C-alpha atoms as a PDB file:
ATOM      1  CA  UNK A   1      15.610  -6.265  -3.653  1.00  0.00           C
ATOM      2  CA  UNK A   2      13.364  -3.663  -2.056  1.00  0.00           C
ATOM      3  CA  UNK A   3      11.647  -3.773   1.335  1.00  0.00           C
ATOM      4  CA  UNK A   4       8.289  -2.682   2.375  1.00  0.00           C
ATOM      5  CA  UNK A   5       8.627   0.788   3.953  1.00  0.00           C
ATOM      6  CA  UNK A   6       6.501   1.869   6.870  1.00  0.00           C
ATOM      7  CA  UNK A   7       5.023   5.270   6.523  1.00  0.00           C
ATOM      8  CA  UNK A   8       3.166   7.463   8.946  1.00  0.00           C
ATOM      9  CA  UNK A   9       0.920  10.421   8.706  1.00  0.00           C
ATOM     10  CA  UNK A  10       4.002  12.559   8.978  1.00  0.00           C
ATOM     11  CA  UNK A  11       5.973  10.894   6.174  1.00  0.00           C
ATOM     12  CA  UNK A  12       3.103  10.092   3.736  1.00  0.00           C
ATOM     13  CA  UNK A  13       3.234  13.178   1.613  1.00  0.00           C
ATOM     14  CA  UNK A  14       7.018  12.932   1.108  1.00  0.00           C
ATOM     15  CA  UNK A  15       7.029   9.070   0.621  1.00  0.00           C
ATOM     16  CA  UNK A  16       3.891   8.674  -1.396  1.00  0.00           C
ATOM     17  CA  UNK A  17       2.506  11.752  -2.892  1.00  0.00           C
ATOM     18  CA  UNK A  18       5.938  13.166  -3.927  1.00  0.00           C
ATOM     19  CA  UNK A  19       7.481   9.736  -5.007  1.00  0.00           C
ATOM     20  CA  UNK A  20       9.112   9.716  -8.320  1.00  0.00           C
ATOM     21  CA  UNK A  21       7.726   6.252  -8.980  1.00  0.00           C
ATOM     22  CA  UNK A  22       4.279   4.780  -8.482  1.00  0.00           C
ATOM     23  CA  UNK A  23       3.409   3.755  -4.920  1.00  0.00           C
ATOM     24  CA  UNK A  24       1.305   0.906  -3.518  1.00  0.00           C
ATOM     25  CA  UNK A  25       0.241   1.388   0.005  1.00  0.00           C
ATOM     26  CA  UNK A  26      -1.261  -1.206   2.368  1.00  0.00           C
ATOM     27  CA  UNK A  27      -3.372   0.193   5.113  1.00  0.00           C
ATOM     28  CA  UNK A  28      -3.329  -2.348   7.905  1.00  0.00           C
ATOM     29  CA  UNK A  29      -3.413  -3.042  11.808  1.00  0.00           C
ATOM     30  CA  UNK A  30      -1.852  -5.560  14.072  1.00  0.00           C
ATOM     31  CA  UNK A  31      -5.290  -6.936  15.105  1.00  0.00           C
ATOM     32  CA  UNK A  32      -6.556  -7.524  11.632  1.00  0.00           C
ATOM     33  CA  UNK A  33      -6.283 -11.240  10.520  1.00  0.00           C
ATOM     34  CA  UNK A  34      -6.866 -10.416   6.779  1.00  0.00           C
ATOM     35  CA  UNK A  35      -4.025  -7.934   6.929  1.00  0.00           C
ATOM     36  CA  UNK A  36      -1.694 -10.517   8.290  1.00  0.00           C
ATOM     37  CA  UNK A  37      -2.923 -12.875   5.350  1.00  0.00           C
ATOM     38  CA  UNK A  38      -1.828 -10.449   2.657  1.00  0.00           C
ATOM     39  CA  UNK A  39       1.412  -9.249   4.479  1.00  0.00           C
ATOM     40  CA  UNK A  40       3.558 -11.961   2.617  1.00  0.00           C
ATOM     41  CA  UNK A  41       2.024 -10.956  -0.627  1.00  0.00           C
ATOM     42  CA  UNK A  42       2.855  -7.294  -0.014  1.00  0.00           C
ATOM     43  CA  UNK A  43       6.466  -8.349   0.833  1.00  0.00           C
ATOM     44  CA  UNK A  44       6.649 -10.417  -2.426  1.00  0.00           C
ATOM     45  CA  UNK A  45       5.568  -7.375  -4.475  1.00  0.00           C
ATOM     46  CA  UNK A  46       8.351  -5.277  -2.942  1.00  0.00           C
ATOM     47  CA  UNK A  47      10.850  -8.080  -3.783  1.00  0.00           C
ATOM     48  CA  UNK A  48       9.585  -8.495  -7.341  1.00  0.00           C
ATOM     49  CA  UNK A  49       8.686  -4.968  -8.349  1.00  0.00           C
ATOM     50  CA  UNK A  50      10.566  -2.746  -5.859  1.00  0.00           C
ATOM     51  CA  UNK A  51      12.756  -1.248  -8.613  1.00  0.00           C
ATOM     52  CA  UNK A  52       9.675   0.100 -10.491  1.00  0.00           C
ATOM     53  CA  UNK A  53       7.073   0.519  -7.788  1.00  0.00           C
ATOM     54  CA  UNK A  54       7.389   1.667  -4.181  1.00  0.00           C
ATOM     55  CA  UNK A  55       5.612  -0.628  -1.778  1.00  0.00           C
ATOM     56  CA  UNK A  56       4.762   0.914   1.644  1.00  0.00           C
ATOM     57  CA  UNK A  57       2.383   0.146   4.503  1.00  0.00           C
ATOM     58  CA  UNK A  58       0.670   2.293   7.041  1.00  0.00           C
ATOM     59  CA  UNK A  59      -0.568   1.167  10.482  1.00  0.00           C
ATOM     60  CA  UNK A  60      -4.024   2.832  10.789  1.00  0.00           C
ATOM     61  CA  UNK A  61      -3.876   2.700  14.602  1.00  0.00           C
ATOM     62  CA  UNK A  62      -0.812   4.794  14.896  1.00  0.00           C
ATOM     63  CA  UNK A  63      -1.539   7.032  11.854  1.00  0.00           C
ATOM     64  CA  UNK A  64      -5.354   7.526  11.629  1.00  0.00           C
ATOM     65  CA  UNK A  65      -5.235  10.779   9.630  1.00  0.00           C
ATOM     66  CA  UNK A  66      -4.157   9.530   6.203  1.00  0.00           C
ATOM     67  CA  UNK A  67      -6.608   6.636   6.090  1.00  0.00           C
ATOM     68  CA  UNK A  68      -9.447   8.990   7.025  1.00  0.00           C
ATOM     69  CA  UNK A  69      -8.241  11.501   4.380  1.00  0.00           C
ATOM     70  CA  UNK A  70      -8.635   8.761   1.625  1.00  0.00           C
ATOM     71  CA  UNK A  71     -11.866   7.273   2.962  1.00  0.00           C
ATOM     72  CA  UNK A  72     -10.388   3.982   4.199  1.00  0.00           C
ATOM     73  CA  UNK A  73     -13.290   2.284   6.123  1.00  0.00           C
ATOM     74  CA  UNK A  74     -12.240  -1.269   6.108  1.00  0.00           C
ATOM     75  CA  UNK A  75      -8.831  -2.970   6.165  1.00  0.00           C
ATOM     76  CA  UNK A  76      -6.851  -4.247   4.615  1.00  0.00           C
ATOM     77  CA  UNK A  77      -7.174  -1.539   1.945  1.00  0.00           C
ATOM     78  CA  UNK A  78      -4.628  -1.281  -0.631  1.00  0.00           C
ATOM     79  CA  UNK A  79      -4.255   1.790  -2.809  1.00  0.00           C
ATOM     80  CA  UNK A  80      -2.206   2.388  -5.977  1.00  0.00           C
ATOM     81  CA  UNK A  81      -0.939   5.968  -6.465  1.00  0.00           C
ATOM     82  CA  UNK A  82       0.488   7.355  -9.614  1.00  0.00           C
ATOM     83  CA  UNK A  83       1.691  11.028  -9.750  1.00  0.00           C
ATOM     84  CA  UNK A  84       0.165  11.714  -6.296  1.00  0.00           C
ATOM     85  CA  UNK A  85      -3.310  10.478  -7.331  1.00  0.00           C
ATOM     86  CA  UNK A  86      -5.159   7.233  -6.286  1.00  0.00           C
ATOM     87  CA  UNK A  87      -5.537   5.250  -9.536  1.00  0.00           C
ATOM     88  CA  UNK A  88      -6.764   1.891  -7.977  1.00  0.00           C
ATOM     89  CA  UNK A  89      -7.980   0.302  -4.763  1.00  0.00           C
ATOM     90  CA  UNK A  90      -8.359  -3.142  -3.432  1.00  0.00           C
ATOM     91  CA  UNK A  91     -10.196  -4.192  -0.310  1.00  0.00           C
ATOM     92  CA  UNK A  92     -10.031  -7.304   1.735  1.00  0.00           C
ATOM     93  CA  UNK A  93      -7.679 -10.394   1.493  1.00  0.00           C
ATOM     94  CA  UNK A  94      -7.286 -11.101  -2.083  1.00  0.00           C
ATOM     95  CA  UNK A  95      -5.180 -13.569  -4.222  1.00  0.00           C
ATOM     96  CA  UNK A  96      -1.694 -12.411  -5.295  1.00  0.00           C
ATOM     97  CA  UNK A  97      -2.812 -12.124  -8.883  1.00  0.00           C
ATOM     98  CA  UNK A  98      -5.114  -9.201  -7.963  1.00  0.00           C
ATOM     99  CA  UNK A  99      -2.045  -7.383  -6.493  1.00  0.00           C
ATOM    100  CA  UNK A 100       0.163  -8.312  -9.514  1.00  0.00           C
ATOM    101  CA  UNK A 101      -2.572  -6.845 -11.813  1.00  0.00           C
ATOM    102  CA  UNK A 102      -2.499  -3.670  -9.722  1.00  0.00           C
ATOM    103  CA  UNK A 103       1.197  -3.415 -10.192  1.00  0.00           C
ATOM    104  CA  UNK A 104       0.989  -4.005 -13.892  1.00  0.00           C
ATOM    105  CA  UNK A 105      -1.624  -1.218 -14.235  1.00  0.00           C
ATOM    106  CA  UNK A 106       0.950   1.169 -12.738  1.00  0.00           C
ATOM    107  CA  UNK A 107       3.767   0.221 -15.101  1.00  0.00           C
END
């Protein structure tokens, strides 16, 4: 069972862009209520799909560079990366099925 990995501006390229498997990244902040709402869903995705998809999260307050680079203006924003490119984006608190579809789109 895989865990959700915390990434920072410093580790983003190595962990996400150079990953040998697709990556889903959750941009979040401690003060964001909708972020806390989807946190258990993100954990479930890691538990269910961690073998095939890397699930990571980034605190936008401690790592503001990467969200800016990808035009993240609202949180939570969840991006799906395949071969270093953004292939899908979800914003706001969404039902788990939306995140499951995102994972399926990467496989």
